[in-house]
Amino acid sequence: MSEYPNFRFGASRFDQNKFSGRFRHFLDVIDPRTLFVTEKRLQECVELLQRFKQGTLPAGVTDAQLWRAQKIKQAIIHPDTGERILMPFRMSGFIPFGTPVVVGLLLPHQTLASTIFWQWLNQSHNACVNYCNRNASKPAAASKFLQGYVGAVTSAVSIAVGLNVLIRKASLFSPTSRLLVQRFIPFPAVASANVCNVVLMRHSELSEGISVLDGDGNVVGTSRVAARHALLETALTRVVLPMPILVLPPLIMATLEKLPLLQRQRRLVLPVHSLVCLAAFGLALPLAISLFPQMSQIGVDQLEPEIAMATDSKIVTYNKGL
């Protein structure tokens, strides 16, 4: 029996089949404290995990120490390339570095130039995060990432600018209502860009299929049907993810700006707005990510006949991606 029965190398310490387990797992993933880990501490963690694999751990090492070491290593080092991920593009840096962009997206009284700039900056940051945290176990052409990036920027800017122009010309809105409605424009723009990015970067899966696994984690075949399900689920996830981050702050600020304090001290609006965005980002992001499990299930009877012939399992699983 292992000396460390609760530690699993490369796995999550929380049950991924439950929402609460996924939520606690993603709180670990986005923990910004790992941004301040020193080079010496990182090397200690890497060495500790290496000694665990070799079975040469010194006496007195606990499960908790191993879990902490793995959390730090996974936050900083890419699992496939073994290279350090640049700080702004780590998952743990997504909230600290992404909040200023969210604040910019939700600023009132946007001009055409500022709308284009903030949408471009948001999609550029997302593209860098996606690329730096990509699955690099198989080589992928850089043109595929470039195609997804250009498509996302184009769709985000087009929808944001189009809706802004449409609302400004609409005569049925009062000036106050028009300002409130304009604050919600970033959500459909970002959501549509996310879907466009998924379709452009993963459309080849529809013809090539994705791997499906049996109950023991063995690959039993490649399925185009599972690929369609995965693409649909991922697109839905990408629509849900920005919803609380880009919808809650405008609702909250519409109420707070009516307070006498903010009516008198208008210079406090931007700091309060920034804090609201930070709180919404920090609380809503792990909640939204946790809604859907990473591994999805599908009945074998819904898949291609060759899959059913290759396994006795009635249900198989597949990685839907993010």
Protein backbone atom coordinates (compact mmCIF):
# COMPACT_ATOMS: atom_id res chain seq x y z
CA MET A 1 0.00 0.00 0.00
CA SER A 2 1.24 3.51 -0.87
CA GLU A 3 2.57 5.77 1.86
CA TYR A 4 0.56 8.55 0.21
CA PRO A 5 -2.90 7.02 -0.41
CA ASN A 6 -4.63 10.36 -1.03
CA PHE A 7 -2.16 11.84 -3.53
CA ARG A 8 -2.59 11.14 -7.26
CA PHE A 9 0.13 12.41 -9.59
CA GLY A 10 -1.30 14.67 -12.32
CA ALA A 11 -4.87 14.39 -11.01
CA SER A 12 -7.18 16.75 -9.13
CA ARG A 13 -7.59 16.26 -5.40
CA PHE A 14 -11.32 17.07 -5.72
CA ASP A 15 -14.12 14.91 -7.16
CA GLN A 16 -14.68 16.12 -10.73
CA ASN A 17 -18.06 14.38 -10.96
CA LYS A 18 -19.57 16.88 -8.50
CA PHE A 19 -20.09 20.61 -8.98
CA SER A 20 -18.56 21.35 -5.57
CA GLY A 21 -15.44 19.35 -6.48
CA ARG A 22 -15.04 21.12 -9.81
CA PHE A 23 -15.57 24.50 -8.14
CA ARG A 24 -12.86 23.82 -5.54
CA HIS A 25 -10.55 22.51 -8.27
CA PHE A 26 -10.89 25.67 -10.37
CA LEU A 27 -10.37 27.86 -7.30
CA ASP A 28 -6.99 26.13 -7.08
CA VAL A 29 -6.32 26.62 -10.80
CA ILE A 30 -6.98 30.39 -10.75
CA ASP A 31 -5.36 31.04 -7.36
CA PRO A 32 -3.31 34.25 -7.99
CA ARG A 33 -0.95 33.49 -5.08
CA THR A 34 0.97 31.14 -7.38
CA LEU A 35 2.04 34.20 -9.40
CA PHE A 36 4.39 35.12 -6.55
CA VAL A 37 6.16 31.76 -6.27
CA THR A 38 9.93 32.18 -6.45
CA GLU A 39 12.21 30.24 -8.79
CA LYS A 40 13.74 28.44 -5.80
CA ARG A 41 10.31 27.36 -4.50
CA LEU A 42 9.29 26.16 -7.97
CA GLN A 43 12.42 24.02 -8.30
CA GLU A 44 11.77 22.54 -4.85
CA CYS A 45 8.26 21.55 -5.95
CA VAL A 46 9.47 20.02 -9.22
CA GLU A 47 12.16 18.05 -7.38
CA LEU A 48 9.67 16.82 -4.74
CA LEU A 49 7.30 15.50 -7.41
CA GLN A 50 10.17 13.91 -9.31
CA ARG A 51 11.31 12.09 -6.19
CA PHE A 52 7.72 10.92 -5.62
CA LYS A 53 7.69 9.34 -9.10
CA GLN A 54 11.04 7.72 -8.41
CA GLY A 55 9.91 6.48 -5.00
CA THR A 56 12.77 8.26 -3.19
CA LEU A 57 10.84 10.76 -1.04
CA PRO A 58 12.44 11.55 2.32
CA ALA A 59 10.61 10.60 5.50
CA GLY A 60 8.07 13.09 6.84
CA VAL A 61 6.68 14.35 3.52
CA THR A 62 2.88 14.61 3.71
CA ASP A 63 0.06 14.36 1.18
CA ALA A 64 -0.64 18.06 1.71
CA GLN A 65 2.92 18.98 0.72
CA LEU A 66 2.66 16.89 -2.44
CA TRP A 67 -0.67 18.48 -3.41
CA ARG A 68 0.77 21.98 -2.85
CA ALA A 69 3.84 21.13 -4.95
CA GLN A 70 1.68 19.81 -7.77
CA LYS A 71 -0.59 22.90 -7.64
CA ILE A 72 2.42 25.21 -8.00
CA LYS A 73 4.02 23.20 -10.79
CA GLN A 74 0.78 22.92 -12.79
CA ALA A 75 0.15 26.67 -12.41
CA ILE A 76 3.53 27.67 -13.84
CA ILE A 77 4.89 24.88 -16.09
CA HIS A 78 3.15 23.65 -19.24
CA PRO A 79 2.46 19.90 -18.83
CA ASP A 80 3.36 19.02 -22.44
CA THR A 81 6.26 21.35 -23.29
CA GLY A 82 7.78 21.60 -19.80
CA GLU A 83 8.30 25.33 -20.37
CA ARG A 84 7.31 28.14 -18.03
CA ILE A 85 4.12 29.96 -19.00
CA LEU A 86 4.42 33.75 -19.08
CA MET A 87 2.76 35.29 -16.02
CA PRO A 88 -0.03 37.28 -17.80
CA PHE A 89 -1.11 34.17 -19.70
CA ARG A 90 -1.28 31.67 -16.83
CA MET A 91 -4.73 30.62 -15.64
CA SER A 92 -3.76 32.02 -12.22
CA GLY A 93 -3.14 35.38 -13.91
CA PHE A 94 -6.41 35.42 -15.84
CA ILE A 95 -8.32 37.47 -13.25
CA PRO A 96 -5.57 39.96 -12.21
CA PHE A 97 -4.55 40.68 -15.82
CA GLY A 98 -8.02 40.28 -17.31
CA THR A 99 -9.93 42.56 -14.92
CA PRO A 100 -8.60 45.83 -16.43
CA VAL A 101 -9.79 44.58 -19.82
CA VAL A 102 -13.25 43.79 -18.43
CA VAL A 103 -13.40 47.26 -16.86
CA GLY A 104 -12.53 48.76 -20.24
CA LEU A 105 -15.15 46.68 -22.05
CA LEU A 106 -17.87 47.85 -19.65
CA LEU A 107 -16.99 51.55 -19.53
CA PRO A 108 -19.99 53.77 -20.36
CA HIS A 109 -19.97 56.34 -23.19
CA GLN A 110 -17.79 54.21 -25.48
CA THR A 111 -16.60 55.78 -28.74
CA LEU A 112 -16.15 53.75 -31.93
CA ALA A 113 -12.37 53.72 -31.43
CA SER A 114 -12.57 52.65 -27.77
CA THR A 115 -15.07 49.88 -28.60
CA ILE A 116 -12.73 48.46 -31.24
CA PHE A 117 -9.67 48.79 -28.98
CA TRP A 118 -11.17 47.02 -25.95
CA GLN A 119 -12.70 44.21 -28.03
CA TRP A 120 -9.36 43.70 -29.82
CA LEU A 121 -7.42 43.73 -26.54
CA ASN A 122 -9.83 41.25 -24.93
CA GLN A 123 -9.63 38.79 -27.81
CA SER A 124 -5.83 39.19 -27.97
CA HIS A 125 -5.51 38.38 -24.27
CA ASN A 126 -7.86 35.39 -24.64
CA ALA A 127 -5.89 34.13 -27.65
CA CYS A 128 -2.59 34.32 -25.75
CA VAL A 129 -4.08 32.49 -22.75
CA ASN A 130 -5.56 29.79 -25.01
CA TYR A 131 -2.29 29.33 -26.91
CA CYS A 132 -0.07 29.22 -23.83
CA ASN A 133 -2.36 26.65 -22.16
CA ARG A 134 -3.08 24.62 -25.29
CA ASN A 135 -2.86 20.85 -25.56
CA ALA A 136 0.63 20.51 -27.04
CA SER A 137 0.79 16.70 -26.99
CA LYS A 138 0.13 16.74 -30.75
CA PRO A 139 1.65 19.30 -33.13
CA ALA A 140 -0.81 21.93 -34.36
CA ALA A 141 -0.26 24.43 -37.13
CA ALA A 142 0.15 28.02 -35.96
CA SER A 143 -2.18 29.00 -38.82
CA LYS A 144 -5.06 27.32 -36.98
CA PHE A 145 -4.58 29.56 -33.93
CA LEU A 146 -4.15 32.61 -36.19
CA GLN A 147 -7.37 31.73 -38.00
CA GLY A 148 -9.26 31.44 -34.72
CA TYR A 149 -7.81 34.72 -33.47
CA VAL A 150 -8.69 36.68 -36.61
CA GLY A 151 -12.19 35.21 -36.65
CA ALA A 152 -12.77 36.03 -32.99
CA VAL A 153 -11.53 39.63 -33.33
CA THR A 154 -13.55 40.20 -36.50
CA SER A 155 -16.80 38.85 -35.04
CA ALA A 156 -16.37 40.64 -31.68
CA VAL A 157 -15.61 44.03 -33.25
CA SER A 158 -18.30 43.70 -35.94
CA ILE A 159 -21.07 42.82 -33.46
CA ALA A 160 -20.01 45.39 -30.85
CA VAL A 161 -19.75 48.23 -33.39
CA GLY A 162 -22.93 47.15 -35.21
CA LEU A 163 -25.02 47.01 -32.03
CA ASN A 164 -23.63 50.35 -30.83
CA VAL A 165 -24.58 52.05 -34.09
CA LEU A 166 -28.00 50.37 -34.10
CA ILE A 167 -28.82 51.45 -30.54
CA ARG A 168 -27.64 55.00 -31.11
CA LYS A 169 -29.96 55.32 -34.11
CA ALA A 170 -32.93 53.68 -32.37
CA SER A 171 -35.55 56.28 -31.51
CA LEU A 172 -37.49 54.16 -29.02
CA PHE A 173 -34.79 54.45 -26.29
CA SER A 174 -34.54 57.38 -23.94
CA PRO A 175 -30.97 58.67 -23.32
CA THR A 176 -30.87 56.86 -19.95
CA SER A 177 -32.21 53.59 -21.38
CA ARG A 178 -29.82 53.83 -24.33
CA LEU A 179 -26.82 54.16 -21.97
CA LEU A 180 -27.98 51.16 -19.92
CA VAL A 181 -28.54 48.96 -22.98
CA GLN A 182 -25.15 49.91 -24.43
CA ARG A 183 -23.46 48.56 -21.30
CA PHE A 184 -24.67 45.06 -22.17
CA ILE A 185 -23.25 45.08 -25.71
CA PRO A 186 -19.90 43.46 -24.71
CA PHE A 187 -21.65 40.21 -23.74
CA PRO A 188 -23.14 39.25 -27.15
CA ALA A 189 -19.95 40.46 -28.85
CA VAL A 190 -17.64 38.38 -26.64
CA ALA A 191 -19.97 35.33 -26.61
CA SER A 192 -20.24 35.26 -30.40
CA ALA A 193 -16.47 35.70 -30.74
CA ASN A 194 -15.93 32.76 -28.38
CA VAL A 195 -18.21 30.53 -30.46
CA CYS A 196 -16.51 31.67 -33.68
CA ASN A 197 -13.11 30.87 -32.16
CA VAL A 198 -14.22 27.33 -31.19
CA VAL A 199 -15.68 26.57 -34.63
CA LEU A 200 -12.65 27.89 -36.55
CA MET A 201 -10.04 26.18 -34.37
CA ARG A 202 -11.77 22.82 -33.96
CA HIS A 203 -13.78 22.31 -37.16
CA SER A 204 -11.37 19.57 -38.28
CA GLU A 205 -12.62 17.40 -35.39
CA LEU A 206 -16.00 17.12 -37.16
CA SER A 207 -14.41 15.18 -40.03
CA GLU A 208 -11.60 13.45 -38.13
CA GLY A 209 -13.50 12.66 -34.90
CA ILE A 210 -12.24 12.60 -31.31
CA SER A 211 -11.14 9.77 -29.03
CA VAL A 212 -13.73 8.06 -26.82
CA LEU A 213 -12.78 6.09 -23.72
CA ASP A 214 -14.32 3.16 -21.86
CA GLY A 215 -14.84 2.94 -18.10
CA ASP A 216 -11.19 1.97 -17.57
CA GLY A 217 -9.87 4.99 -19.48
CA ASN A 218 -8.87 2.99 -22.56
CA VAL A 219 -9.38 4.53 -26.01
CA VAL A 220 -11.94 2.40 -27.88
CA GLY A 221 -12.12 4.43 -31.08
CA THR A 222 -12.55 7.77 -32.79
CA SER A 223 -16.04 9.21 -33.16
CA ARG A 224 -17.36 12.05 -35.31
CA VAL A 225 -20.67 11.95 -33.41
CA ALA A 226 -18.86 12.56 -30.12
CA ALA A 227 -16.94 15.38 -31.85
CA ARG A 228 -20.24 17.11 -32.72
CA HIS A 229 -21.41 16.78 -29.12
CA ALA A 230 -18.07 18.08 -27.81
CA LEU A 231 -18.12 21.08 -30.14
CA LEU A 232 -21.69 21.96 -29.16
CA GLU A 233 -20.95 21.62 -25.43
CA THR A 234 -17.77 23.70 -25.72
CA ALA A 235 -19.60 26.43 -27.65
CA LEU A 236 -22.31 26.49 -24.97
CA THR A 237 -19.65 26.71 -22.27
CA ARG A 238 -18.00 29.64 -24.05
CA VAL A 239 -21.38 31.45 -24.16
CA VAL A 240 -22.10 30.86 -20.46
CA LEU A 241 -18.60 31.79 -19.22
CA PRO A 242 -18.67 35.54 -19.95
CA MET A 243 -22.32 35.93 -18.93
CA PRO A 244 -21.88 36.65 -15.19
CA ILE A 245 -18.68 38.63 -15.80
CA LEU A 246 -20.16 40.96 -18.42
CA VAL A 247 -23.81 41.06 -17.26
CA LEU A 248 -23.60 41.39 -13.47
CA PRO A 249 -21.38 44.54 -13.27
CA PRO A 250 -23.69 46.69 -15.47
CA LEU A 251 -26.70 45.64 -13.37
CA ILE A 252 -24.90 46.37 -10.11
CA MET A 253 -23.45 49.68 -11.31
CA ALA A 254 -26.84 50.86 -12.57
CA THR A 255 -28.04 50.59 -8.95
CA LEU A 256 -24.89 51.93 -7.25
CA GLU A 257 -24.68 55.01 -9.46
CA LYS A 258 -28.03 56.16 -8.06
CA LEU A 259 -26.58 56.34 -4.54
CA PRO A 260 -26.16 59.90 -3.21
CA LEU A 261 -22.45 59.35 -2.55
CA LEU A 262 -21.67 58.45 -6.18
CA GLN A 263 -24.00 61.18 -7.41
CA ARG A 264 -21.93 63.73 -5.49
CA GLN A 265 -18.50 62.18 -5.98
CA ARG A 266 -18.41 61.16 -9.66
CA ARG A 267 -14.67 60.48 -9.51
CA LEU A 268 -15.45 57.45 -7.30
CA VAL A 269 -17.47 55.78 -10.06
CA LEU A 270 -14.45 54.31 -11.89
CA PRO A 271 -12.79 52.83 -8.72
CA VAL A 272 -16.13 51.37 -7.60
CA HIS A 273 -16.74 50.06 -11.11
CA SER A 274 -13.30 48.39 -11.08
CA LEU A 275 -13.96 46.73 -7.70
CA VAL A 276 -17.35 45.45 -8.88
CA CYS A 277 -15.73 43.97 -12.02
CA LEU A 278 -12.96 42.37 -9.96
CA ALA A 279 -15.48 40.83 -7.53
CA ALA A 280 -17.71 39.56 -10.36
CA PHE A 281 -14.71 38.14 -12.23
CA GLY A 282 -13.24 36.48 -9.14
CA LEU A 283 -16.48 34.91 -7.94
CA ALA A 284 -18.28 34.21 -11.19
CA LEU A 285 -15.43 32.72 -13.23
CA PRO A 286 -14.88 29.56 -11.14
CA LEU A 287 -18.66 29.15 -10.77
CA ALA A 288 -19.21 29.37 -14.52
CA ILE A 289 -16.29 27.06 -15.40
CA SER A 290 -17.53 24.49 -12.87
CA LEU A 291 -20.98 24.13 -14.44
CA PHE A 292 -19.79 21.55 -16.97
CA PRO A 293 -17.48 18.56 -16.32
CA GLN A 294 -14.37 18.33 -18.47
CA MET A 295 -15.14 14.71 -19.37
CA SER A 296 -18.60 14.14 -20.86
CA GLN A 297 -20.51 10.87 -21.23
CA ILE A 298 -22.49 9.50 -24.16
CA GLY A 299 -24.34 6.25 -24.80
CA VAL A 300 -22.60 3.80 -27.12
CA ASP A 301 -25.89 3.30 -29.00
CA GLN A 302 -25.67 6.94 -30.16
CA LEU A 303 -22.21 6.46 -31.71
CA GLU A 304 -20.89 4.75 -34.83
CA PRO A 305 -21.37 0.94 -35.06
CA GLU A 306 -17.62 0.29 -34.94
CA ILE A 307 -17.45 1.94 -31.50
CA ALA A 308 -20.19 -0.35 -30.16
CA MET A 309 -18.32 -3.37 -31.54
CA ALA A 310 -15.04 -2.29 -29.87
CA THR A 311 -16.33 -2.16 -26.27
CA ASP A 312 -18.73 -3.87 -23.87
CA SER A 313 -19.42 -0.58 -22.09
CA LYS A 314 -22.85 0.99 -22.56
CA ILE A 315 -21.48 4.48 -21.82
CA VAL A 316 -18.20 5.99 -23.00
CA THR A 317 -16.55 9.30 -22.18
CA TYR A 318 -14.78 11.99 -24.18
CA ASN A 319 -12.86 15.18 -23.40
CA LYS A 320 -15.02 18.08 -24.56
CA GLY A 321 -12.19 20.63 -24.22
CA LEU A 322 -12.48 24.22 -22.99
